[in-house]
Amino acid sequence: QKMILTLIKIKMENQKLQIQINSNKLLKELEVQEFTDDIVQSLIIAMSRTQFELLNLDDTCQLIKNEFRFLSLREVRKAITKGTAGEYGRSYKLSTQEVCYWIQQYVKDKNAKTLKL
């Protein structure tokens, strides 16, 4: 009977662990989706400000997430805002390449400021 109780306890612990793992996975998926939604929103604002259309929003968003994963969402949004304001030069079109250029320039400026300190 003790063995049965021990097995039941082990099974319950395994179920708790599985629930915790599933919860963590779900939270991570929600964070990724939130990040994606916020980048898409920033890109839509960029289209409005530059009066250019970005045809491949999903691909651009995915590339930004992959290439600039070391940046926070706040930094990505700041880079896009500065880019649309012309801080990194005049834009003649809005493309994935242009948005990535803005983010690269933001990182370059940020690193230059850090080195000066």
Protein backbone atom coordinates (compact mmCIF):
# COMPACT_ATOMS: atom_id res chain seq x y z
CA GLN A 1 0.00 0.00 0.00
CA LYS A 2 2.91 2.36 0.74
CA MET A 3 4.30 1.60 -2.67
CA ILE A 4 0.99 2.48 -4.32
CA LEU A 5 0.88 5.78 -2.42
CA THR A 6 4.45 6.52 -3.45
CA LEU A 7 3.62 5.81 -7.10
CA ILE A 8 0.56 8.06 -6.88
CA LYS A 9 2.69 10.85 -5.38
CA ILE A 10 5.27 10.45 -8.14
CA LYS A 11 2.56 10.55 -10.79
CA MET A 12 1.06 13.69 -9.26
CA GLU A 13 4.48 15.38 -9.13
CA ASN A 14 5.04 14.48 -12.79
CA GLN A 15 1.67 15.97 -13.71
CA LYS A 16 2.48 19.18 -11.79
CA LEU A 17 5.82 19.38 -13.56
CA GLN A 18 4.18 18.85 -16.95
CA ILE A 19 1.62 21.57 -16.20
CA GLN A 20 4.43 23.95 -15.23
CA ILE A 21 6.36 23.13 -18.42
CA ASN A 22 3.24 23.70 -20.53
CA SER A 23 2.57 27.00 -18.73
CA ASN A 24 6.11 28.19 -19.39
CA LYS A 25 5.82 27.26 -23.07
CA LEU A 26 2.54 29.14 -23.36
CA LEU A 27 4.00 32.23 -21.68
CA LYS A 28 6.97 32.17 -24.06
CA GLU A 29 4.64 31.88 -27.06
CA LEU A 30 2.60 34.82 -25.78
CA GLU A 31 5.75 36.92 -25.31
CA VAL A 32 6.88 36.14 -28.85
CA GLN A 33 3.44 37.01 -30.23
CA GLU A 34 3.36 40.27 -28.25
CA PHE A 35 6.82 41.18 -29.56
CA THR A 36 5.69 40.41 -33.12
CA ASP A 37 2.48 42.44 -32.75
CA ASP A 38 4.40 45.44 -31.39
CA ILE A 39 6.93 45.35 -34.23
CA VAL A 40 4.11 45.11 -36.79
CA GLN A 41 2.45 48.11 -35.13
CA SER A 42 5.73 50.07 -35.34
CA LEU A 43 6.09 49.18 -39.02
CA ILE A 44 2.53 50.30 -39.74
CA ILE A 45 3.33 53.64 -38.09
CA ALA A 46 6.50 53.82 -40.21
CA MET A 47 4.40 53.34 -43.35
CA SER A 48 2.13 56.17 -42.26
CA ARG A 49 5.03 58.52 -41.51
CA THR A 50 7.00 57.81 -44.68
CA GLN A 51 3.94 57.41 -46.89
CA PHE A 52 5.50 54.28 -48.36
CA GLU A 53 4.01 50.81 -48.25
CA LEU A 54 5.95 47.89 -46.83
CA LEU A 55 4.74 44.83 -48.70
CA ASN A 56 6.22 42.06 -46.59
CA LEU A 57 5.36 42.92 -42.99
CA ASP A 58 5.54 39.34 -41.70
CA ASP A 59 8.91 38.63 -43.33
CA THR A 60 10.34 41.93 -42.11
CA CYS A 61 9.11 41.28 -38.58
CA GLN A 62 10.60 37.78 -38.58
CA LEU A 63 13.94 39.07 -39.85
CA ILE A 64 14.05 41.77 -37.18
CA LYS A 65 13.32 39.19 -34.48
CA ASN A 66 16.05 36.89 -35.77
CA GLU A 67 18.76 39.43 -36.60
CA PHE A 68 18.27 41.82 -33.69
CA ARG A 69 17.24 39.45 -30.89
CA PHE A 70 19.81 41.13 -28.62
CA LEU A 71 17.75 44.34 -28.67
CA SER A 72 14.71 44.96 -26.54
CA LEU A 73 11.37 45.78 -28.12
CA ARG A 74 11.76 49.34 -26.83
CA GLU A 75 15.07 49.71 -28.68
CA VAL A 76 13.67 48.33 -31.93
CA ARG A 77 10.73 50.71 -31.76
CA LYS A 78 13.07 53.61 -30.98
CA ALA A 79 15.24 52.75 -33.99
CA ILE A 80 12.22 52.62 -36.30
CA THR A 81 10.91 55.92 -34.92
CA LYS A 82 14.28 57.62 -35.46
CA GLY A 83 14.48 56.16 -38.96
CA THR A 84 11.07 57.47 -39.93
CA ALA A 85 12.05 60.88 -38.56
CA GLY A 86 14.99 60.98 -40.98
CA GLU A 87 17.66 60.70 -38.33
CA TYR A 88 19.56 58.13 -40.40
CA GLY A 89 19.17 59.94 -43.72
CA ARG A 90 16.40 60.36 -46.20
CA SER A 91 14.34 57.33 -47.19
CA TYR A 92 13.38 56.86 -50.80
CA LYS A 93 11.40 53.71 -50.12
CA LEU A 94 10.32 51.57 -47.23
CA SER A 95 11.72 48.06 -47.39
CA THR A 96 13.06 45.39 -45.09
CA GLN A 97 16.54 46.56 -46.02
CA GLU A 98 15.74 50.16 -45.04
CA VAL A 99 14.24 49.18 -41.68
CA CYS A 100 17.23 46.94 -40.90
CA TYR A 101 19.54 49.82 -41.86
CA TRP A 102 17.77 52.05 -39.34
CA ILE A 103 18.15 49.44 -36.61
CA GLN A 104 21.83 48.89 -37.51
CA GLN A 105 22.44 52.64 -37.32
CA TYR A 106 20.69 52.77 -33.96
CA VAL A 107 22.96 49.98 -32.66
CA LYS A 108 26.02 51.73 -34.10
CA ASP A 109 25.07 55.03 -32.41
CA LYS A 110 24.31 53.25 -29.14
CA ASN A 111 27.66 51.47 -29.18
CA ALA A 112 29.50 54.70 -30.00
CA LYS A 113 27.87 56.42 -27.00
CA THR A 114 28.76 53.48 -24.77
CA LEU A 115 32.41 53.60 -25.86
CA LYS A 116 32.61 57.35 -25.11
CA LEU A 117 31.58 56.76 -21.51
